[in-house]
Amino acid sequence: MPSDQEKRQHHRIRYPLSERPKFHDADRIYAVLDISARGLRYAIPDGPFPEPHDLVKGVLHCRRNAPILIEGTVVRVQSGEAALYLHREIPFAVLLAEQRYLHQRYPMWS
């Protein structure tokens, strides 16, 4: 039986604590736990929490790239985390730059 990782449509980039990008919505700033071309998972240390199917808009700030406008639908909220399905893909060049940086700096991480 395939693992959850093998079932995913897009490769997921997980971030060490010190390297996490920031996601800014209208009111707050959140630490991003992982990203993929069509998804983003971020930590919500305290409420209010979005509801599944809510539309969320904001800006993704990675350390090595220009800010990216994000719009997505909440697909899951659990254990102080929210997962979004993004309406537009995060550009491949951004994902590649993030992955290269993490592999160079943290070869055993991913």
PDB file of N, CA and C in Angstrom:
ATOM      1  N   MET A   1       0.842  -1.175   0.000  1.00  0.00           N
ATOM      2  CA  MET A   1       0.000   0.000   0.000  1.00  0.00           C
ATOM      3  C   MET A   1       0.889   1.242   0.000  1.00  0.00           C
ATOM      4  N   PRO A   2       0.618   2.214  -0.909  1.00  0.00           N
ATOM      5  CA  PRO A   2       1.457   3.405  -0.970  1.00  0.00           C
ATOM      6  C   PRO A   2       1.325   4.258   0.286  1.00  0.00           C
ATOM      7  N   SER A   3       2.435   4.872   0.665  1.00  0.00           N
ATOM      8  CA  SER A   3       2.407   5.777   1.815  1.00  0.00           C
ATOM      9  C   SER A   3       1.732   7.087   1.411  1.00  0.00           C
ATOM     10  N   ASP A   4       1.405   7.915   2.415  1.00  0.00           N
ATOM     11  CA  ASP A   4       0.791   9.213   2.126  1.00  0.00           C
ATOM     12  C   ASP A   4       1.692  10.051   1.229  1.00  0.00           C
ATOM     13  N   GLN A   5       3.003   9.981   1.448  1.00  0.00           N
ATOM     14  CA  GLN A   5       3.947  10.748   0.636  1.00  0.00           C
ATOM     15  C   GLN A   5       3.860  10.325  -0.822  1.00  0.00           C
ATOM     16  N   GLU A   6       3.704   9.021  -1.096  1.00  0.00           N
ATOM     17  CA  GLU A   6       3.640   8.530  -2.464  1.00  0.00           C
ATOM     18  C   GLU A   6       2.326   8.898  -3.141  1.00  0.00           C
ATOM     19  N   LYS A   7       1.273   9.164  -2.381  1.00  0.00           N
ATOM     20  CA  LYS A   7      -0.026   9.515  -2.935  1.00  0.00           C
ATOM     21  C   LYS A   7      -0.113  10.991  -3.323  1.00  0.00           C
ATOM     22  N   ARG A   8       0.789  11.804  -2.853  1.00  0.00           N
ATOM     23  CA  ARG A   8       0.714  13.237  -3.104  1.00  0.00           C
ATOM     24  C   ARG A   8       0.960  13.545  -4.575  1.00  0.00           C
ATOM     25  N   GLN A   9       0.228  14.538  -5.078  1.00  0.00           N
ATOM     26  CA  GLN A   9       0.411  14.968  -6.461  1.00  0.00           C
ATOM     27  C   GLN A   9       1.654  15.836  -6.618  1.00  0.00           C
ATOM     28  N   HIS A  10       2.015  16.577  -5.578  1.00  0.00           N
ATOM     29  CA  HIS A  10       3.126  17.517  -5.657  1.00  0.00           C
ATOM     30  C   HIS A  10       4.097  17.269  -4.509  1.00  0.00           C
ATOM     31  N   HIS A  11       5.383  17.393  -4.834  1.00  0.00           N
ATOM     32  CA  HIS A  11       6.418  17.255  -3.810  1.00  0.00           C
ATOM     33  C   HIS A  11       6.246  18.356  -2.766  1.00  0.00           C
ATOM     34  N   ARG A  12       6.399  18.004  -1.520  1.00  0.00           N
ATOM     35  CA  ARG A  12       6.228  18.936  -0.412  1.00  0.00           C
ATOM     36  C   ARG A  12       7.600  19.307   0.147  1.00  0.00           C
ATOM     37  N   ILE A  13       7.816  20.591   0.358  1.00  0.00           N
ATOM     38  CA  ILE A  13       9.054  21.079   0.968  1.00  0.00           C
ATOM     39  C   ILE A  13       8.755  21.387   2.427  1.00  0.00           C
ATOM     40  N   ARG A  14       9.399  20.647   3.326  1.00  0.00           N
ATOM     41  CA  ARG A  14       9.255  20.872   4.766  1.00  0.00           C
ATOM     42  C   ARG A  14      10.383  21.787   5.227  1.00  0.00           C
ATOM     43  N   TYR A  15      10.089  22.636   6.192  1.00  0.00           N
ATOM     44  CA  TYR A  15      11.066  23.615   6.661  1.00  0.00           C
ATOM     45  C   TYR A  15      11.497  23.347   8.090  1.00  0.00           C
ATOM     46  N   PRO A  16      12.818  23.471   8.350  1.00  0.00           N
ATOM     47  CA  PRO A  16      13.266  23.469   9.744  1.00  0.00           C
ATOM     48  C   PRO A  16      12.746  24.741  10.430  1.00  0.00           C
ATOM     49  N   LEU A  17      12.648  24.696  11.718  1.00  0.00           N
ATOM     50  CA  LEU A  17      12.081  25.794  12.503  1.00  0.00           C
ATOM     51  C   LEU A  17      12.716  27.147  12.169  1.00  0.00           C
ATOM     52  N   SER A  18      14.023  27.186  12.067  1.00  0.00           N
ATOM     53  CA  SER A  18      14.717  28.464  11.859  1.00  0.00           C
ATOM     54  C   SER A  18      14.592  29.008  10.437  1.00  0.00           C
ATOM     55  N   GLU A  19      14.093  28.218   9.503  1.00  0.00           N
ATOM     56  CA  GLU A  19      14.019  28.630   8.098  1.00  0.00           C
ATOM     57  C   GLU A  19      12.593  28.837   7.594  1.00  0.00           C
ATOM     58  N   ARG A  20      11.621  28.742   8.459  1.00  0.00           N
ATOM     59  CA  ARG A  20      10.227  28.780   8.009  1.00  0.00           C
ATOM     60  C   ARG A  20       9.853  30.124   7.388  1.00  0.00           C
ATOM     61  N   PRO A  21       9.249  30.069   6.196  1.00  0.00           N
ATOM     62  CA  PRO A  21       8.724  31.295   5.600  1.00  0.00           C
ATOM     63  C   PRO A  21       7.568  31.832   6.436  1.00  0.00           C
ATOM     64  N   LYS A  22       7.141  33.024   6.133  1.00  0.00           N
ATOM     65  CA  LYS A  22       6.006  33.646   6.829  1.00  0.00           C
ATOM     66  C   LYS A  22       4.845  33.812   5.855  1.00  0.00           C
ATOM     67  N   PHE A  23       3.642  33.592   6.379  1.00  0.00           N
ATOM     68  CA  PHE A  23       2.420  33.820   5.620  1.00  0.00           C
ATOM     69  C   PHE A  23       1.652  34.936   6.316  1.00  0.00           C
ATOM     70  N   HIS A  24       1.414  36.027   5.594  1.00  0.00           N
ATOM     71  CA  HIS A  24       0.712  37.194   6.140  1.00  0.00           C
ATOM     72  C   HIS A  24      -0.691  37.224   5.544  1.00  0.00           C
ATOM     73  N   ASP A  25      -1.712  37.177   6.393  1.00  0.00           N
ATOM     74  CA  ASP A  25      -3.065  37.431   5.900  1.00  0.00           C
ATOM     75  C   ASP A  25      -3.431  38.854   6.320  1.00  0.00           C
ATOM     76  N   ALA A  26      -4.679  39.210   6.255  1.00  0.00           N
ATOM     77  CA  ALA A  26      -5.079  40.589   6.552  1.00  0.00           C
ATOM     78  C   ALA A  26      -4.760  41.009   7.986  1.00  0.00           C
ATOM     79  N   ASP A  27      -4.764  40.047   8.915  1.00  0.00           N
ATOM     80  CA  ASP A  27      -4.647  40.397  10.331  1.00  0.00           C
ATOM     81  C   ASP A  27      -3.409  39.876  11.046  1.00  0.00           C
ATOM     82  N   ARG A  28      -2.850  38.780  10.560  1.00  0.00           N
ATOM     83  CA  ARG A  28      -1.806  38.100  11.345  1.00  0.00           C
ATOM     84  C   ARG A  28      -0.661  37.602  10.470  1.00  0.00           C
ATOM     85  N   ILE A  29       0.394  37.164  11.158  1.00  0.00           N
ATOM     86  CA  ILE A  29       1.547  36.553  10.506  1.00  0.00           C
ATOM     87  C   ILE A  29       1.690  35.147  11.069  1.00  0.00           C
ATOM     88  N   TYR A  30       1.851  34.159  10.175  1.00  0.00           N
ATOM     89  CA  TYR A  30       1.940  32.754  10.572  1.00  0.00           C
ATOM     90  C   TYR A  30       3.248  32.145  10.065  1.00  0.00           C
ATOM     91  N   ALA A  31       3.766  31.164  10.782  1.00  0.00           N
ATOM     92  CA  ALA A  31       4.921  30.393  10.331  1.00  0.00           C
ATOM     93  C   ALA A  31       4.431  29.297   9.389  1.00  0.00           C
ATOM     94  N   VAL A  32       5.091  29.176   8.239  1.00  0.00           N
ATOM     95  CA  VAL A  32       4.743  28.157   7.249  1.00  0.00           C
ATOM     96  C   VAL A  32       5.518  26.887   7.572  1.00  0.00           C
ATOM     97  N   LEU A  33       4.813  25.770   7.657  1.00  0.00           N
ATOM     98  CA  LEU A  33       5.431  24.485   7.977  1.00  0.00           C
ATOM     99  C   LEU A  33       5.942  23.783   6.733  1.00  0.00           C
ATOM    100  N   ASP A  34       5.157  23.828   5.658  1.00  0.00           N
ATOM    101  CA  ASP A  34       5.596  23.247   4.394  1.00  0.00           C
ATOM    102  C   ASP A  34       4.811  23.851   3.244  1.00  0.00           C
ATOM    103  N   ILE A  35       5.389  23.713   2.038  1.00  0.00           N
ATOM    104  CA  ILE A  35       4.734  24.193   0.829  1.00  0.00           C
ATOM    105  C   ILE A  35       4.887  23.155  -0.268  1.00  0.00           C
ATOM    106  N   SER A  36       4.004  23.232  -1.237  1.00  0.00           N
ATOM    107  CA  SER A  36       4.127  22.481  -2.483  1.00  0.00           C
ATOM    108  C   SER A  36       3.598  23.396  -3.577  1.00  0.00           C
ATOM    109  N   ALA A  37       3.621  22.928  -4.815  1.00  0.00           N
ATOM    110  CA  ALA A  37       3.142  23.759  -5.918  1.00  0.00           C
ATOM    111  C   ALA A  37       1.706  24.211  -5.693  1.00  0.00           C
ATOM    112  N   ARG A  38       0.883  23.351  -5.114  1.00  0.00           N
ATOM    113  CA  ARG A  38      -0.540  23.653  -4.934  1.00  0.00           C
ATOM    114  C   ARG A  38      -0.998  23.663  -3.486  1.00  0.00           C
ATOM    115  N   GLY A  39      -0.068  23.689  -2.533  1.00  0.00           N
ATOM    116  CA  GLY A  39      -0.491  23.640  -1.144  1.00  0.00           C
ATOM    117  C   GLY A  39       0.431  24.401  -0.220  1.00  0.00           C
ATOM    118  N   LEU A  40      -0.118  24.727   0.936  1.00  0.00           N
ATOM    119  CA  LEU A  40       0.629  25.439   1.959  1.00  0.00           C
ATOM    120  C   LEU A  40       0.023  25.041   3.299  1.00  0.00           C
ATOM    121  N   ARG A  41       0.887  24.712   4.249  1.00  0.00           N
ATOM    122  CA  ARG A  41       0.424  24.369   5.600  1.00  0.00           C
ATOM    123  C   ARG A  41       1.110  25.321   6.568  1.00  0.00           C
ATOM    124  N   TYR A  42       0.307  25.937   7.434  1.00  0.00           N
ATOM    125  CA  TYR A  42       0.872  26.914   8.361  1.00  0.00           C
ATOM    126  C   TYR A  42       0.356  26.688   9.774  1.00  0.00           C
ATOM    127  N   ALA A  43       1.159  27.146  10.738  1.00  0.00           N
ATOM    128  CA  ALA A  43       0.834  26.978  12.157  1.00  0.00           C
ATOM    129  C   ALA A  43      -0.050  28.128  12.619  1.00  0.00           C
ATOM    130  N   ILE A  44      -1.040  27.770  13.438  1.00  0.00           N
ATOM    131  CA  ILE A  44      -1.908  28.762  14.078  1.00  0.00           C
ATOM    132  C   ILE A  44      -1.800  28.513  15.581  1.00  0.00           C
ATOM    133  N   PRO A  45      -0.907  29.248  16.263  1.00  0.00           N
ATOM    134  CA  PRO A  45      -0.676  28.959  17.676  1.00  0.00           C
ATOM    135  C   PRO A  45      -1.890  29.186  18.569  1.00  0.00           C
ATOM    136  N   ASP A  46      -2.746  30.119  18.181  1.00  0.00           N
ATOM    137  CA  ASP A  46      -3.980  30.354  18.935  1.00  0.00           C
ATOM    138  C   ASP A  46      -5.042  30.841  17.953  1.00  0.00           C
ATOM    139  N   GLY A  47      -6.305  30.710  18.334  1.00  0.00           N
ATOM    140  CA  GLY A  47      -7.412  31.063  17.446  1.00  0.00           C
ATOM    141  C   GLY A  47      -7.411  32.530  17.079  1.00  0.00           C
ATOM    142  N   PRO A  48      -8.327  32.939  16.256  1.00  0.00           N
ATOM    143  CA  PRO A  48      -9.381  32.118  15.663  1.00  0.00           C
ATOM    144  C   PRO A  48      -8.841  31.258  14.521  1.00  0.00           C
ATOM    145  N   PHE A  49      -9.465  30.121  14.329  1.00  0.00           N
ATOM    146  CA  PHE A  49      -9.067  29.181  13.295  1.00  0.00           C
ATOM    147  C   PHE A  49     -10.013  29.299  12.103  1.00  0.00           C
ATOM    148  N   PRO A  50      -9.488  29.166  10.888  1.00  0.00           N
ATOM    149  CA  PRO A  50     -10.388  29.159   9.735  1.00  0.00           C
ATOM    150  C   PRO A  50     -11.197  27.863   9.714  1.00  0.00           C
ATOM    151  N   GLU A  51     -12.255  27.868   8.957  1.00  0.00           N
ATOM    152  CA  GLU A  51     -13.093  26.681   8.791  1.00  0.00           C
ATOM    153  C   GLU A  51     -12.773  26.027   7.453  1.00  0.00           C
ATOM    154  N   PRO A  52     -12.929  24.706   7.355  1.00  0.00           N
ATOM    155  CA  PRO A  52     -12.779  24.063   6.044  1.00  0.00           C
ATOM    156  C   PRO A  52     -13.679  24.752   5.015  1.00  0.00           C
ATOM    157  N   HIS A  53     -13.145  24.906   3.823  1.00  0.00           N
ATOM    158  CA  HIS A  53     -13.797  25.544   2.673  1.00  0.00           C
ATOM    159  C   HIS A  53     -13.743  27.069   2.719  1.00  0.00           C
ATOM    160  N   ASP A  54     -13.172  27.666   3.778  1.00  0.00           N
ATOM    161  CA  ASP A  54     -12.996  29.118   3.801  1.00  0.00           C
ATOM    162  C   ASP A  54     -11.989  29.526   2.734  1.00  0.00           C
ATOM    163  N   LEU A  55     -12.173  30.707   2.173  1.00  0.00           N
ATOM    164  CA  LEU A  55     -11.210  31.296   1.257  1.00  0.00           C
ATOM    165  C   LEU A  55     -10.210  32.096   2.089  1.00  0.00           C
ATOM    166  N   VAL A  56      -8.919  31.870   1.851  1.00  0.00           N
ATOM    167  CA  VAL A  56      -7.862  32.572   2.578  1.00  0.00           C
ATOM    168  C   VAL A  56      -6.964  33.262   1.556  1.00  0.00           C
ATOM    169  N   LYS A  57      -6.664  34.532   1.802  1.00  0.00           N
ATOM    170  CA  LYS A  57      -5.774  35.309   0.936  1.00  0.00           C
ATOM    171  C   LYS A  57      -4.672  35.910   1.786  1.00  0.00           C
ATOM    172  N   GLY A  58      -3.496  36.034   1.189  1.00  0.00           N
ATOM    173  CA  GLY A  58      -2.394  36.644   1.896  1.00  0.00           C
ATOM    174  C   GLY A  58      -1.145  36.676   1.044  1.00  0.00           C
ATOM    175  N   VAL A  59      -0.016  36.869   1.702  1.00  0.00           N
ATOM    176  CA  VAL A  59       1.271  36.964   1.023  1.00  0.00           C
ATOM    177  C   VAL A  59       2.237  35.988   1.675  1.00  0.00           C
ATOM    178  N   LEU A  60       2.916  35.195   0.842  1.00  0.00           N
ATOM    179  CA  LEU A  60       3.949  34.268   1.297  1.00  0.00           C
ATOM    180  C   LEU A  60       5.295  34.960   1.160  1.00  0.00           C
ATOM    181  N   HIS A  61       6.043  35.009   2.269  1.00  0.00           N
ATOM    182  CA  HIS A  61       7.371  35.620   2.280  1.00  0.00           C
ATOM    183  C   HIS A  61       8.408  34.537   2.546  1.00  0.00           C
ATOM    184  N   CYS A  62       9.112  34.128   1.491  1.00  0.00           N
ATOM    185  CA  CYS A  62      10.249  33.214   1.636  1.00  0.00           C
ATOM    186  C   CYS A  62      11.501  34.076   1.751  1.00  0.00           C
ATOM    187  N   ARG A  63      12.515  33.552   2.377  1.00  0.00           N
ATOM    188  CA  ARG A  63      13.730  34.349   2.608  1.00  0.00           C
ATOM    189  C   ARG A  63      14.477  34.685   1.321  1.00  0.00           C
ATOM    190  N   ARG A  64      14.407  33.829   0.324  1.00  0.00           N
ATOM    191  CA  ARG A  64      15.226  33.992  -0.857  1.00  0.00           C
ATOM    192  C   ARG A  64      14.456  34.423  -2.101  1.00  0.00           C
ATOM    193  N   ASN A  65      13.194  34.745  -1.989  1.00  0.00           N
ATOM    194  CA  ASN A  65      12.396  35.085  -3.165  1.00  0.00           C
ATOM    195  C   ASN A  65      11.510  36.289  -2.874  1.00  0.00           C
ATOM    196  N   ALA A  66      10.991  36.870  -3.941  1.00  0.00           N
ATOM    197  CA  ALA A  66      10.052  37.984  -3.801  1.00  0.00           C
ATOM    198  C   ALA A  66       8.760  37.478  -3.166  1.00  0.00           C
ATOM    199  N   PRO A  67       8.027  38.341  -2.483  1.00  0.00           N
ATOM    200  CA  PRO A  67       6.742  37.931  -1.900  1.00  0.00           C
ATOM    201  C   PRO A  67       5.790  37.414  -2.981  1.00  0.00           C
ATOM    202  N   ILE A  68       4.970  36.432  -2.612  1.00  0.00           N
ATOM    203  CA  ILE A  68       4.041  35.801  -3.547  1.00  0.00           C
ATOM    204  C   ILE A  68       2.628  35.951  -3.002  1.00  0.00           C
ATOM    205  N   LEU A  69       1.727  36.471  -3.830  1.00  0.00           N
ATOM    206  CA  LEU A  69       0.321  36.550  -3.438  1.00  0.00           C
ATOM    207  C   LEU A  69      -0.266  35.146  -3.434  1.00  0.00           C
ATOM    208  N   ILE A  70      -0.947  34.808  -2.354  1.00  0.00           N
ATOM    209  CA  ILE A  70      -1.510  33.471  -2.168  1.00  0.00           C
ATOM    210  C   ILE A  70      -3.018  33.590  -1.995  1.00  0.00           C
ATOM    211  N   GLU A  71      -3.732  32.714  -2.680  1.00  0.00           N
ATOM    212  CA  GLU A  71      -5.172  32.583  -2.481  1.00  0.00           C
ATOM    213  C   GLU A  71      -5.478  31.097  -2.506  1.00  0.00           C
ATOM    214  N   GLY A  72      -6.170  30.629  -1.479  1.00  0.00           N
ATOM    215  CA  GLY A  72      -6.458  29.205  -1.416  1.00  0.00           C
ATOM    216  C   GLY A  72      -7.682  28.903  -0.581  1.00  0.00           C
ATOM    217  N   THR A  73      -8.076  27.650  -0.651  1.00  0.00           N
ATOM    218  CA  THR A  73      -9.221  27.149   0.095  1.00  0.00           C
ATOM    219  C   THR A  73      -8.719  26.277   1.231  1.00  0.00           C
ATOM    220  N   VAL A  74      -9.248  26.476   2.422  1.00  0.00           N
ATOM    221  CA  VAL A  74      -8.872  25.660   3.574  1.00  0.00           C
ATOM    222  C   VAL A  74      -9.392  24.240   3.350  1.00  0.00           C
ATOM    223  N   VAL A  75      -8.471  23.275   3.392  1.00  0.00           N
ATOM    224  CA  VAL A  75      -8.867  21.871   3.217  1.00  0.00           C
ATOM    225  C   VAL A  75      -8.806  21.094   4.523  1.00  0.00           C
ATOM    226  N   ARG A  76      -8.056  21.626   5.504  1.00  0.00           N
ATOM    227  CA  ARG A  76      -7.940  20.913   6.777  1.00  0.00           C
ATOM    228  C   ARG A  76      -7.486  21.882   7.867  1.00  0.00           C
ATOM    229  N   VAL A  77      -8.066  21.711   9.045  1.00  0.00           N
ATOM    230  CA  VAL A  77      -7.635  22.441  10.239  1.00  0.00           C
ATOM    231  C   VAL A  77      -7.581  21.427  11.362  1.00  0.00           C
ATOM    232  N   GLN A  78      -6.390  21.229  11.930  1.00  0.00           N
ATOM    233  CA  GLN A  78      -6.246  20.296  13.052  1.00  0.00           C
ATOM    234  C   GLN A  78      -4.946  20.563  13.783  1.00  0.00           C
ATOM    235  N   SER A  79      -4.947  20.311  15.058  1.00  0.00           N
ATOM    236  CA  SER A  79      -3.743  20.415  15.899  1.00  0.00           C
ATOM    237  C   SER A  79      -3.010  21.739  15.726  1.00  0.00           C
ATOM    238  N   GLY A  80      -3.746  22.832  15.647  1.00  0.00           N
ATOM    239  CA  GLY A  80      -3.106  24.134  15.537  1.00  0.00           C
ATOM    240  C   GLY A  80      -2.470  24.413  14.192  1.00  0.00           C
ATOM    241  N   GLU A  81      -2.928  23.739  13.145  1.00  0.00           N
ATOM    242  CA  GLU A  81      -2.402  23.932  11.796  1.00  0.00           C
ATOM    243  C   GLU A  81      -3.558  24.043  10.809  1.00  0.00           C
ATOM    244  N   ALA A  82      -3.321  24.795   9.742  1.00  0.00           N
ATOM    245  CA  ALA A  82      -4.289  24.883   8.650  1.00  0.00           C
ATOM    246  C   ALA A  82      -3.577  24.523   7.355  1.00  0.00           C
ATOM    247  N   ALA A  83      -4.273  23.805   6.486  1.00  0.00           N
ATOM    248  CA  ALA A  83      -3.739  23.435   5.179  1.00  0.00           C
ATOM    249  C   ALA A  83      -4.609  24.071   4.103  1.00  0.00           C
ATOM    250  N   LEU A  84      -3.953  24.679   3.123  1.00  0.00           N
ATOM    251  CA  LEU A  84      -4.652  25.336   2.023  1.00  0.00           C
ATOM    252  C   LEU A  84      -4.405  24.603   0.722  1.00  0.00           C
ATOM    253  N   TYR A  85      -5.433  24.538  -0.122  1.00  0.00           N
ATOM    254  CA  TYR A  85      -5.267  24.157  -1.524  1.00  0.00           C
ATOM    255  C   TYR A  85      -5.202  25.469  -2.286  1.00  0.00           C
ATOM    256  N   LEU A  86      -4.089  25.713  -2.966  1.00  0.00           N
ATOM    257  CA  LEU A  86      -3.869  26.993  -3.632  1.00  0.00           C
ATOM    258  C   LEU A  86      -4.559  27.039  -4.989  1.00  0.00           C
ATOM    259  N   HIS A  87      -5.173  28.169  -5.293  1.00  0.00           N
ATOM    260  CA  HIS A  87      -5.876  28.332  -6.562  1.00  0.00           C
ATOM    261  C   HIS A  87      -4.906  28.518  -7.719  1.00  0.00           C
ATOM    262  N   ARG A  88      -3.723  29.056  -7.439  1.00  0.00           N
ATOM    263  CA  ARG A  88      -2.649  29.170  -8.438  1.00  0.00           C
ATOM    264  C   ARG A  88      -1.398  28.537  -7.847  1.00  0.00           C
ATOM    265  N   GLU A  89      -0.635  27.899  -8.706  1.00  0.00           N
ATOM    266  CA  GLU A  89       0.586  27.232  -8.237  1.00  0.00           C
ATOM    267  C   GLU A  89       1.637  28.244  -7.796  1.00  0.00           C
ATOM    268  N   ILE A  90       2.406  27.846  -6.797  1.00  0.00           N
ATOM    269  CA  ILE A  90       3.619  28.587  -6.453  1.00  0.00           C
ATOM    270  C   ILE A  90       4.586  28.335  -7.604  1.00  0.00           C
ATOM    271  N   PRO A  91       5.222  29.370  -8.153  1.00  0.00           N
ATOM    272  CA  PRO A  91       6.100  29.173  -9.308  1.00  0.00           C
ATOM    273  C   PRO A  91       7.188  28.124  -9.050  1.00  0.00           C
ATOM    274  N   PHE A  92       7.448  27.325 -10.076  1.00  0.00           N
ATOM    275  CA  PHE A  92       8.439  26.262  -9.972  1.00  0.00           C
ATOM    276  C   PHE A  92       9.811  26.811  -9.586  1.00  0.00           C
ATOM    277  N   ALA A  93      10.178  27.967 -10.133  1.00  0.00           N
ATOM    278  CA  ALA A  93      11.487  28.554  -9.816  1.00  0.00           C
ATOM    279  C   ALA A  93      11.621  28.844  -8.321  1.00  0.00           C
ATOM    280  N   VAL A  94      10.548  29.261  -7.686  1.00  0.00           N
ATOM    281  CA  VAL A  94      10.561  29.524  -6.241  1.00  0.00           C
ATOM    282  C   VAL A  94      10.759  28.220  -5.479  1.00  0.00           C
ATOM    283  N   LEU A  95       9.995  27.199  -5.852  1.00  0.00           N
ATOM    284  CA  LEU A  95      10.116  25.900  -5.181  1.00  0.00           C
ATOM    285  C   LEU A  95      11.516  25.323  -5.348  1.00  0.00           C
ATOM    286  N   LEU A  96      12.064  25.436  -6.543  1.00  0.00           N
ATOM    287  CA  LEU A  96      13.404  24.912  -6.806  1.00  0.00           C
ATOM    288  C   LEU A  96      14.457  25.653  -5.985  1.00  0.00           C
ATOM    289  N   ALA A  97      14.359  26.972  -5.921  1.00  0.00           N
ATOM    290  CA  ALA A  97      15.317  27.756  -5.132  1.00  0.00           C
ATOM    291  C   ALA A  97      15.231  27.399  -3.653  1.00  0.00           C
ATOM    292  N   GLU A  98      14.016  27.225  -3.138  1.00  0.00           N
ATOM    293  CA  GLU A  98      13.843  26.844  -1.740  1.00  0.00           C
ATOM    294  C   GLU A  98      14.454  25.466  -1.475  1.00  0.00           C
ATOM    295  N   GLN A  99      14.162  24.516  -2.359  1.00  0.00           N
ATOM    296  CA  GLN A  99      14.668  23.156  -2.190  1.00  0.00           C
ATOM    297  C   GLN A  99      16.191  23.118  -2.247  1.00  0.00           C
ATOM    298  N   ARG A 100      16.776  23.821  -3.198  1.00  0.00           N
ATOM    299  CA  ARG A 100      18.243  23.856  -3.316  1.00  0.00           C
ATOM    300  C   ARG A 100      18.879  24.436  -2.057  1.00  0.00           C
ATOM    301  N   TYR A 101      18.337  25.533  -1.594  1.00  0.00           N
ATOM    302  CA  TYR A 101      18.877  26.168  -0.396  1.00  0.00           C
ATOM    303  C   TYR A 101      18.836  25.206   0.789  1.00  0.00           C
ATOM    304  N   LEU A 102      17.700  24.560   1.000  1.00  0.00           N
ATOM    305  CA  LEU A 102      17.565  23.648   2.141  1.00  0.00           C
ATOM    306  C   LEU A 102      18.481  22.439   2.005  1.00  0.00           C
ATOM    307  N   HIS A 103      18.629  21.912   0.791  1.00  0.00           N
ATOM    308  CA  HIS A 103      19.534  20.769   0.593  1.00  0.00           C
ATOM    309  C   HIS A 103      20.985  21.155   0.866  1.00  0.00           C
ATOM    310  N   GLN A 104      21.379  22.355   0.464  1.00  0.00           N
ATOM    311  CA  GLN A 104      22.749  22.803   0.701  1.00  0.00           C
ATOM    312  C   GLN A 104      23.003  23.062   2.180  1.00  0.00           C
ATOM    313  N   ARG A 105      22.060  23.686   2.824  1.00  0.00           N
ATOM    314  CA  ARG A 105      22.246  24.088   4.220  1.00  0.00           C
ATOM    315  C   ARG A 105      21.938  22.965   5.208  1.00  0.00           C
ATOM    316  N   TYR A 106      20.998  22.093   4.857  1.00  0.00           N
ATOM    317  CA  TYR A 106      20.550  21.012   5.739  1.00  0.00           C
ATOM    318  C   TYR A 106      20.488  19.706   4.949  1.00  0.00           C
ATOM    319  N   PRO A 107      21.619  19.134   4.585  1.00  0.00           N
ATOM    320  CA  PRO A 107      21.607  17.950   3.712  1.00  0.00           C
ATOM    321  C   PRO A 107      20.854  16.755   4.288  1.00  0.00           C
ATOM    322  N   MET A 108      20.735  16.643   5.579  1.00  0.00           N
ATOM    323  CA  MET A 108      20.042  15.496   6.178  1.00  0.00           C
ATOM    324  C   MET A 108      18.574  15.799   6.481  1.00  0.00           C
ATOM    325  N   TRP A 109      18.127  17.024   6.214  1.00  0.00           N
ATOM    326  CA  TRP A 109      16.781  17.426   6.622  1.00  0.00           C
ATOM    327  C   TRP A 109      15.688  16.754   5.806  1.00  0.00           C
ATOM    328  N   SER A 110      15.723  16.885   4.482  1.00  0.00           N
ATOM    329  CA  SER A 110      14.597  16.388   3.684  1.00  0.00           C
ATOM    330  C   SER A 110      14.887  15.062   3.019  1.00  0.00           C
TER     331      SER A 110
END
